[in-house]
């Protein structure tokens, strides 16, 4: 268990994409995860993500780390690493931990869950983003 996962308090999970960043938050006991509206990716995303963490009262930010199937880091992983590093710099004085967590298959799992619930993933793309962040957060909380 990492030092961040041993702490208590709300956690916000960010599933970075090129257009939107999926968002989910936990309850203060870190037992349940809830999707939130996505954040626009691109210029200013670090400030928007930091503000979301503050608004949710998060003590930890989990950033999805999209590794390749073989575990190596590709271009998308580099973006997640840069986002996590920038957030850590912005939020460190506020006592907020920022961690990376393997997000392989979160979007697939989220799409399957939504399909099982009768939601068309193509029409509800922003719902997929939140659902993927929820899967990411659930995975982190159980690790």
N, C-alpha and C. Protein backbone atom coordinates (compact mmCIF):
# COMPACT_ATOMS: atom_id res chain seq x y z
N UNK A 1 0.86 -1.18 0.00
CA UNK A 1 0.00 0.00 0.00
C UNK A 1 0.90 1.24 0.00
N UNK A 2 0.61 2.18 -0.86
CA UNK A 2 1.41 3.40 -0.91
C UNK A 2 1.05 4.31 0.24
N UNK A 3 1.92 5.26 0.52
CA UNK A 3 1.63 6.23 1.58
C UNK A 3 0.33 6.96 1.29
N UNK A 4 0.10 7.34 0.01
CA UNK A 4 -1.12 8.05 -0.35
C UNK A 4 -2.35 7.20 -0.13
N UNK A 5 -2.26 5.90 -0.44
CA UNK A 5 -3.44 5.06 -0.29
C UNK A 5 -3.73 4.75 1.17
N UNK A 6 -2.75 4.91 2.06
CA UNK A 6 -2.96 4.66 3.48
C UNK A 6 -3.67 5.82 4.16
N UNK A 7 -3.68 6.98 3.53
CA UNK A 7 -4.34 8.16 4.09
C UNK A 7 -5.85 8.04 3.95
N UNK A 8 -6.53 8.95 4.57
CA UNK A 8 -7.98 9.03 4.45
C UNK A 8 -8.34 10.33 3.77
N UNK A 9 -9.60 10.48 3.43
CA UNK A 9 -10.08 11.67 2.76
C UNK A 9 -10.48 11.35 1.33
N UNK A 10 -11.16 12.28 0.74
CA UNK A 10 -11.66 12.08 -0.62
C UNK A 10 -10.53 11.98 -1.63
N UNK A 11 -10.81 11.21 -2.67
CA UNK A 11 -9.86 11.03 -3.76
C UNK A 11 -10.57 11.43 -5.05
N UNK A 12 -9.85 12.13 -5.92
CA UNK A 12 -10.38 12.44 -7.25
C UNK A 12 -9.51 11.68 -8.26
N UNK A 13 -10.16 11.01 -9.19
CA UNK A 13 -9.46 10.29 -10.25
C UNK A 13 -9.65 11.04 -11.56
N UNK A 14 -8.57 11.14 -12.31
CA UNK A 14 -8.57 11.82 -13.60
C UNK A 14 -8.13 10.83 -14.67
N UNK A 15 -8.95 10.67 -15.69
CA UNK A 15 -8.65 9.78 -16.80
C UNK A 15 -8.38 10.66 -18.02
N UNK A 16 -7.10 11.03 -18.25
CA UNK A 16 -6.79 12.02 -19.28
C UNK A 16 -6.98 11.48 -20.70
N UNK A 17 -7.61 12.31 -21.51
CA UNK A 17 -7.77 12.03 -22.93
C UNK A 17 -7.33 13.25 -23.71
N UNK A 18 -7.44 13.18 -25.03
CA UNK A 18 -7.00 14.30 -25.85
C UNK A 18 -8.05 15.40 -25.94
N UNK A 19 -9.33 15.05 -25.74
CA UNK A 19 -10.42 16.03 -25.81
C UNK A 19 -10.99 16.34 -24.43
N UNK A 20 -11.20 15.30 -23.65
CA UNK A 20 -11.80 15.43 -22.31
C UNK A 20 -10.99 14.63 -21.31
N UNK A 21 -11.11 15.03 -20.06
CA UNK A 21 -10.51 14.29 -18.94
C UNK A 21 -11.67 13.78 -18.10
N UNK A 22 -11.79 12.46 -18.00
CA UNK A 22 -12.83 11.87 -17.18
C UNK A 22 -12.53 12.11 -15.72
N UNK A 23 -13.58 12.30 -14.93
CA UNK A 23 -13.42 12.62 -13.51
C UNK A 23 -14.34 11.74 -12.68
N UNK A 24 -13.81 11.25 -11.57
CA UNK A 24 -14.61 10.53 -10.57
C UNK A 24 -14.08 10.91 -9.20
N UNK A 25 -14.93 10.84 -8.20
CA UNK A 25 -14.52 11.13 -6.82
C UNK A 25 -14.99 10.03 -5.89
N UNK A 26 -14.28 9.90 -4.79
CA UNK A 26 -14.67 8.92 -3.78
C UNK A 26 -15.39 9.62 -2.64
N UNK A 27 -16.02 8.81 -1.81
CA UNK A 27 -16.52 9.33 -0.55
C UNK A 27 -15.33 9.48 0.39
N UNK A 28 -15.52 10.09 1.54
CA UNK A 28 -14.40 10.36 2.45
C UNK A 28 -13.81 9.08 3.04
N UNK A 29 -14.56 8.00 3.05
CA UNK A 29 -14.04 6.72 3.57
C UNK A 29 -13.35 5.90 2.49
N UNK A 30 -13.38 6.40 1.26
CA UNK A 30 -12.74 5.75 0.11
C UNK A 30 -13.31 4.36 -0.16
N UNK A 31 -14.63 4.27 -0.08
CA UNK A 31 -15.28 2.99 -0.36
C UNK A 31 -16.12 3.02 -1.63
N UNK A 32 -16.61 4.19 -2.02
CA UNK A 32 -17.46 4.33 -3.19
C UNK A 32 -16.88 5.36 -4.15
N UNK A 33 -17.12 5.16 -5.44
CA UNK A 33 -16.65 6.10 -6.47
C UNK A 33 -17.84 6.60 -7.27
N UNK A 34 -17.82 7.90 -7.57
CA UNK A 34 -18.92 8.53 -8.29
C UNK A 34 -18.38 9.34 -9.47
N UNK A 35 -18.98 9.19 -10.65
CA UNK A 35 -18.53 9.99 -11.80
C UNK A 35 -18.92 11.45 -11.62
N UNK A 36 -18.12 12.32 -12.19
CA UNK A 36 -18.39 13.76 -12.22
C UNK A 36 -18.29 14.23 -13.67
N UNK A 37 -18.76 15.42 -13.98
CA UNK A 37 -18.63 15.94 -15.35
C UNK A 37 -17.16 16.00 -15.76
N UNK A 38 -16.93 15.72 -17.03
CA UNK A 38 -15.55 15.73 -17.53
C UNK A 38 -15.00 17.15 -17.58
N UNK A 39 -13.68 17.22 -17.69
CA UNK A 39 -12.94 18.48 -17.78
C UNK A 39 -12.38 18.56 -19.19
N UNK A 40 -12.40 19.74 -19.79
CA UNK A 40 -11.82 19.92 -21.12
C UNK A 40 -10.32 19.74 -21.05
N UNK A 41 -9.79 18.96 -21.99
CA UNK A 41 -8.34 18.77 -22.09
C UNK A 41 -7.75 19.92 -22.88
N UNK A 42 -6.44 20.05 -22.83
CA UNK A 42 -5.76 21.09 -23.60
C UNK A 42 -5.29 22.22 -22.71
N UNK A 43 -5.04 23.36 -23.34
CA UNK A 43 -4.53 24.53 -22.61
C UNK A 43 -5.35 24.80 -21.36
N UNK A 44 -4.68 24.93 -20.23
CA UNK A 44 -5.35 25.23 -18.97
C UNK A 44 -5.85 24.01 -18.22
N UNK A 45 -5.60 22.80 -18.74
CA UNK A 45 -6.14 21.61 -18.10
C UNK A 45 -5.60 21.40 -16.69
N UNK A 46 -4.36 21.77 -16.45
CA UNK A 46 -3.78 21.59 -15.12
C UNK A 46 -4.55 22.44 -14.11
N UNK A 47 -4.79 23.69 -14.46
CA UNK A 47 -5.54 24.58 -13.56
C UNK A 47 -6.96 24.07 -13.34
N UNK A 48 -7.61 23.58 -14.40
CA UNK A 48 -8.98 23.07 -14.27
C UNK A 48 -9.00 21.82 -13.38
N UNK A 49 -8.02 20.94 -13.56
CA UNK A 49 -7.95 19.73 -12.74
C UNK A 49 -7.65 20.06 -11.28
N UNK A 50 -6.74 20.98 -11.05
CA UNK A 50 -6.41 21.40 -9.67
C UNK A 50 -7.64 22.01 -9.00
N UNK A 51 -8.36 22.83 -9.74
CA UNK A 51 -9.57 23.44 -9.18
C UNK A 51 -10.62 22.38 -8.84
N UNK A 52 -10.77 21.38 -9.70
CA UNK A 52 -11.71 20.29 -9.41
C UNK A 52 -11.30 19.55 -8.14
N UNK A 53 -10.00 19.30 -7.97
CA UNK A 53 -9.51 18.63 -6.75
C UNK A 53 -9.83 19.47 -5.52
N UNK A 54 -9.63 20.77 -5.63
CA UNK A 54 -9.95 21.66 -4.50
C UNK A 54 -11.45 21.66 -4.20
N UNK A 55 -12.26 21.78 -5.25
CA UNK A 55 -13.72 21.82 -5.06
C UNK A 55 -14.23 20.54 -4.41
N UNK A 56 -13.62 19.42 -4.72
CA UNK A 56 -14.05 18.14 -4.15
C UNK A 56 -13.43 17.88 -2.79
N UNK A 57 -12.50 18.74 -2.37
CA UNK A 57 -11.84 18.54 -1.08
C UNK A 57 -10.96 17.30 -1.07
N UNK A 58 -10.33 17.01 -2.20
CA UNK A 58 -9.53 15.79 -2.34
C UNK A 58 -8.21 15.90 -1.60
N UNK A 59 -7.83 14.81 -0.95
CA UNK A 59 -6.51 14.72 -0.33
C UNK A 59 -5.55 13.97 -1.25
N UNK A 60 -6.09 13.29 -2.25
CA UNK A 60 -5.28 12.54 -3.22
C UNK A 60 -5.89 12.70 -4.60
N UNK A 61 -5.02 12.85 -5.60
CA UNK A 61 -5.41 12.86 -7.00
C UNK A 61 -4.78 11.63 -7.65
N UNK A 62 -5.60 10.81 -8.28
CA UNK A 62 -5.12 9.64 -9.01
C UNK A 62 -5.24 9.95 -10.50
N UNK A 63 -4.12 9.92 -11.20
CA UNK A 63 -4.10 10.18 -12.63
C UNK A 63 -3.92 8.86 -13.35
N UNK A 64 -4.82 8.57 -14.29
CA UNK A 64 -4.73 7.35 -15.06
C UNK A 64 -3.48 7.30 -15.90
N UNK A 65 -2.76 6.21 -15.83
CA UNK A 65 -1.49 6.02 -16.54
C UNK A 65 -1.72 4.99 -17.65
N UNK A 66 -1.92 5.45 -18.88
CA UNK A 66 -2.26 4.53 -19.97
C UNK A 66 -1.05 3.80 -20.55
N UNK A 67 -0.65 2.76 -19.87
CA UNK A 67 0.48 1.97 -20.33
C UNK A 67 0.08 1.08 -21.50
N UNK A 68 1.06 0.66 -22.28
CA UNK A 68 0.83 -0.28 -23.37
C UNK A 68 0.49 -1.65 -22.76
N UNK A 69 -0.02 -2.56 -23.56
CA UNK A 69 -0.35 -3.89 -23.07
C UNK A 69 0.86 -4.60 -22.46
N UNK A 70 2.05 -4.31 -23.00
CA UNK A 70 3.26 -4.95 -22.47
C UNK A 70 3.82 -4.22 -21.25
N UNK A 71 3.15 -3.17 -20.79
CA UNK A 71 3.57 -2.43 -19.61
C UNK A 71 4.49 -1.26 -19.89
N UNK A 72 4.89 -1.09 -21.15
CA UNK A 72 5.77 0.04 -21.49
C UNK A 72 4.95 1.32 -21.62
N UNK A 73 5.65 2.44 -21.55
CA UNK A 73 5.00 3.75 -21.64
C UNK A 73 5.09 4.27 -23.07
N UNK A 74 3.97 4.70 -23.62
CA UNK A 74 3.94 5.31 -24.95
C UNK A 74 3.68 6.80 -24.84
N UNK A 75 3.27 7.42 -25.95
CA UNK A 75 3.01 8.86 -25.97
C UNK A 75 1.91 9.27 -25.00
N UNK A 76 0.83 8.52 -24.95
CA UNK A 76 -0.28 8.87 -24.05
C UNK A 76 0.17 8.81 -22.59
N UNK A 77 1.04 7.85 -22.28
CA UNK A 77 1.55 7.75 -20.90
C UNK A 77 2.38 8.98 -20.56
N UNK A 78 3.13 9.48 -21.53
CA UNK A 78 3.92 10.68 -21.30
C UNK A 78 3.06 11.87 -20.96
N UNK A 79 1.91 11.99 -21.62
CA UNK A 79 0.98 13.09 -21.32
C UNK A 79 0.46 12.95 -19.89
N UNK A 80 0.09 11.74 -19.49
CA UNK A 80 -0.41 11.51 -18.13
C UNK A 80 0.67 11.82 -17.09
N UNK A 81 1.90 11.42 -17.39
CA UNK A 81 3.01 11.69 -16.47
C UNK A 81 3.24 13.19 -16.32
N UNK A 82 3.15 13.92 -17.43
CA UNK A 82 3.33 15.37 -17.39
C UNK A 82 2.20 16.03 -16.60
N UNK A 83 0.97 15.56 -16.81
CA UNK A 83 -0.17 16.10 -16.07
C UNK A 83 0.00 15.85 -14.58
N UNK A 84 0.37 14.63 -14.21
CA UNK A 84 0.56 14.29 -12.80
C UNK A 84 1.66 15.14 -12.17
N UNK A 85 2.75 15.32 -12.89
CA UNK A 85 3.87 16.12 -12.38
C UNK A 85 3.45 17.58 -12.18
N UNK A 86 2.74 18.13 -13.15
CA UNK A 86 2.29 19.52 -13.04
C UNK A 86 1.29 19.69 -11.89
N UNK A 87 0.38 18.73 -11.75
CA UNK A 87 -0.58 18.80 -10.64
C UNK A 87 0.12 18.70 -9.30
N UNK A 88 1.11 17.82 -9.20
CA UNK A 88 1.87 17.67 -7.96
C UNK A 88 2.54 18.99 -7.59
N UNK A 89 3.08 19.67 -8.58
CA UNK A 89 3.73 20.96 -8.32
C UNK A 89 2.74 22.01 -7.84
N UNK A 90 1.55 22.02 -8.44
CA UNK A 90 0.53 23.01 -8.08
C UNK A 90 -0.10 22.71 -6.72
N UNK A 91 -0.31 21.42 -6.42
CA UNK A 91 -1.07 21.05 -5.22
C UNK A 91 -0.21 20.64 -4.02
N UNK A 92 1.10 20.56 -4.19
CA UNK A 92 1.94 20.06 -3.10
C UNK A 92 1.86 20.94 -1.85
N UNK A 93 1.80 22.24 -2.01
CA UNK A 93 1.71 23.14 -0.86
C UNK A 93 0.39 23.02 -0.12
N UNK A 94 -0.59 22.39 -0.76
CA UNK A 94 -1.91 22.20 -0.14
C UNK A 94 -2.03 20.83 0.51
N UNK A 95 -0.95 20.04 0.49
CA UNK A 95 -0.95 18.73 1.12
C UNK A 95 -1.68 17.66 0.33
N UNK A 96 -1.86 17.88 -0.96
CA UNK A 96 -2.56 16.92 -1.81
C UNK A 96 -1.53 16.03 -2.50
N UNK A 97 -1.70 14.72 -2.35
CA UNK A 97 -0.83 13.76 -3.03
C UNK A 97 -1.34 13.54 -4.45
N UNK A 98 -0.41 13.35 -5.38
CA UNK A 98 -0.76 13.03 -6.77
C UNK A 98 -0.03 11.74 -7.12
N UNK A 99 -0.79 10.75 -7.59
CA UNK A 99 -0.21 9.45 -7.94
C UNK A 99 -0.69 9.02 -9.32
N UNK A 100 0.13 8.23 -9.98
CA UNK A 100 -0.24 7.60 -11.25
C UNK A 100 -0.74 6.20 -10.94
N UNK A 101 -1.75 5.75 -11.71
CA UNK A 101 -2.27 4.39 -11.54
C UNK A 101 -2.59 3.81 -12.91
N UNK A 102 -2.16 2.59 -13.13
CA UNK A 102 -2.37 1.89 -14.39
C UNK A 102 -3.85 1.91 -14.78
N UNK A 103 -4.12 2.42 -15.96
CA UNK A 103 -5.53 2.52 -16.39
C UNK A 103 -5.85 1.61 -17.56
N UNK A 104 -5.00 0.64 -17.85
CA UNK A 104 -5.29 -0.26 -18.96
C UNK A 104 -6.67 -0.88 -18.76
N UNK A 105 -7.45 -0.87 -19.81
CA UNK A 105 -8.78 -1.48 -19.89
C UNK A 105 -9.89 -0.73 -19.15
N UNK A 106 -9.62 0.45 -18.59
CA UNK A 106 -10.69 1.18 -17.89
C UNK A 106 -11.79 1.60 -18.85
N UNK A 107 -11.43 2.08 -20.04
CA UNK A 107 -12.46 2.52 -21.00
C UNK A 107 -13.26 1.33 -21.49
N UNK A 108 -12.61 0.21 -21.71
CA UNK A 108 -13.32 -1.00 -22.15
C UNK A 108 -14.30 -1.44 -21.06
N UNK A 109 -13.84 -1.47 -19.82
CA UNK A 109 -14.71 -1.86 -18.70
C UNK A 109 -15.88 -0.89 -18.55
N UNK A 110 -15.58 0.40 -18.68
CA UNK A 110 -16.63 1.41 -18.55
C UNK A 110 -17.66 1.28 -19.66
N UNK A 111 -17.21 1.07 -20.88
CA UNK A 111 -18.12 0.91 -22.01
C UNK A 111 -19.00 -0.31 -21.81
N UNK A 112 -18.42 -1.41 -21.34
CA UNK A 112 -19.20 -2.62 -21.06
C UNK A 112 -20.25 -2.37 -20.00
N UNK A 113 -19.87 -1.67 -18.93
CA UNK A 113 -20.83 -1.36 -17.86
C UNK A 113 -21.99 -0.51 -18.38
N UNK A 114 -21.65 0.51 -19.16
CA UNK A 114 -22.71 1.38 -19.69
C UNK A 114 -23.61 0.63 -20.65
N UNK A 115 -23.02 -0.21 -21.50
CA UNK A 115 -23.84 -1.00 -22.44
C UNK A 115 -24.79 -1.90 -21.66
N UNK A 116 -24.28 -2.53 -20.59
CA UNK A 116 -25.12 -3.40 -19.76
C UNK A 116 -26.25 -2.62 -19.12
N UNK A 117 -26.04 -1.32 -18.90
CA UNK A 117 -27.06 -0.46 -18.30
C UNK A 117 -27.97 0.17 -19.36
N UNK A 118 -27.72 -0.16 -20.65
CA UNK A 118 -28.58 0.35 -21.72
C UNK A 118 -28.17 1.70 -22.27
N UNK A 119 -26.94 2.13 -22.01
CA UNK A 119 -26.47 3.44 -22.48
C UNK A 119 -25.62 3.21 -23.73
N UNK A 120 -25.91 3.98 -24.78
CA UNK A 120 -25.13 3.91 -26.01
C UNK A 120 -23.86 4.73 -25.80
N UNK A 121 -22.71 4.06 -25.82
CA UNK A 121 -21.43 4.71 -25.53
C UNK A 121 -21.09 5.78 -26.56
N UNK A 122 -21.45 5.59 -27.80
CA UNK A 122 -21.11 6.59 -28.82
C UNK A 122 -21.88 7.88 -28.60
N UNK A 123 -23.14 7.77 -28.23
CA UNK A 123 -23.94 8.98 -27.99
C UNK A 123 -23.63 9.61 -26.64
N UNK A 124 -23.15 8.83 -25.71
CA UNK A 124 -22.87 9.32 -24.36
C UNK A 124 -21.40 9.31 -24.04
N UNK A 125 -20.57 9.83 -24.97
CA UNK A 125 -19.12 9.77 -24.80
C UNK A 125 -18.67 10.38 -23.48
N UNK A 126 -19.27 11.49 -23.07
CA UNK A 126 -18.85 12.11 -21.80
C UNK A 126 -19.19 11.19 -20.62
N UNK A 127 -20.25 10.39 -20.77
CA UNK A 127 -20.57 9.42 -19.70
C UNK A 127 -19.52 8.32 -19.64
N UNK A 128 -18.98 7.95 -20.80
CA UNK A 128 -17.91 6.96 -20.82
C UNK A 128 -16.69 7.49 -20.09
N UNK A 129 -16.36 8.77 -20.29
CA UNK A 129 -15.21 9.37 -19.62
C UNK A 129 -15.36 9.28 -18.10
N UNK A 130 -16.53 9.64 -17.59
CA UNK A 130 -16.77 9.57 -16.15
C UNK A 130 -16.78 8.14 -15.64
N UNK A 131 -17.35 7.25 -16.45
CA UNK A 131 -17.38 5.84 -16.06
C UNK A 131 -15.98 5.25 -16.04
N UNK A 132 -15.14 5.63 -17.01
CA UNK A 132 -13.75 5.14 -17.04
C UNK A 132 -12.98 5.66 -15.83
N UNK A 133 -13.21 6.91 -15.46
CA UNK A 133 -12.55 7.46 -14.27
C UNK A 133 -13.04 6.74 -13.01
N UNK A 134 -14.30 6.34 -12.99
CA UNK A 134 -14.85 5.58 -11.87
C UNK A 134 -14.18 4.22 -11.76
N UNK A 135 -14.01 3.54 -12.89
CA UNK A 135 -13.32 2.24 -12.90
C UNK A 135 -11.87 2.43 -12.42
N UNK A 136 -11.21 3.48 -12.89
CA UNK A 136 -9.85 3.78 -12.46
C UNK A 136 -9.79 3.97 -10.94
N UNK A 137 -10.69 4.76 -10.41
CA UNK A 137 -10.71 5.04 -8.98
C UNK A 137 -11.01 3.77 -8.18
N UNK A 138 -11.96 2.97 -8.63
CA UNK A 138 -12.26 1.72 -7.94
C UNK A 138 -11.04 0.79 -7.93
N UNK A 139 -10.32 0.76 -9.05
CA UNK A 139 -9.12 -0.07 -9.14
C UNK A 139 -8.06 0.42 -8.15
N UNK A 140 -7.86 1.73 -8.09
CA UNK A 140 -6.88 2.29 -7.17
C UNK A 140 -7.26 2.02 -5.72
N UNK A 141 -8.54 2.20 -5.39
CA UNK A 141 -8.98 2.00 -4.01
C UNK A 141 -8.84 0.55 -3.58
N UNK A 142 -8.93 -0.39 -4.53
CA UNK A 142 -8.83 -1.80 -4.17
C UNK A 142 -7.39 -2.31 -4.21
N UNK A 143 -6.47 -1.46 -4.63
CA UNK A 143 -5.06 -1.93 -4.73
C UNK A 143 -4.30 -1.74 -3.43
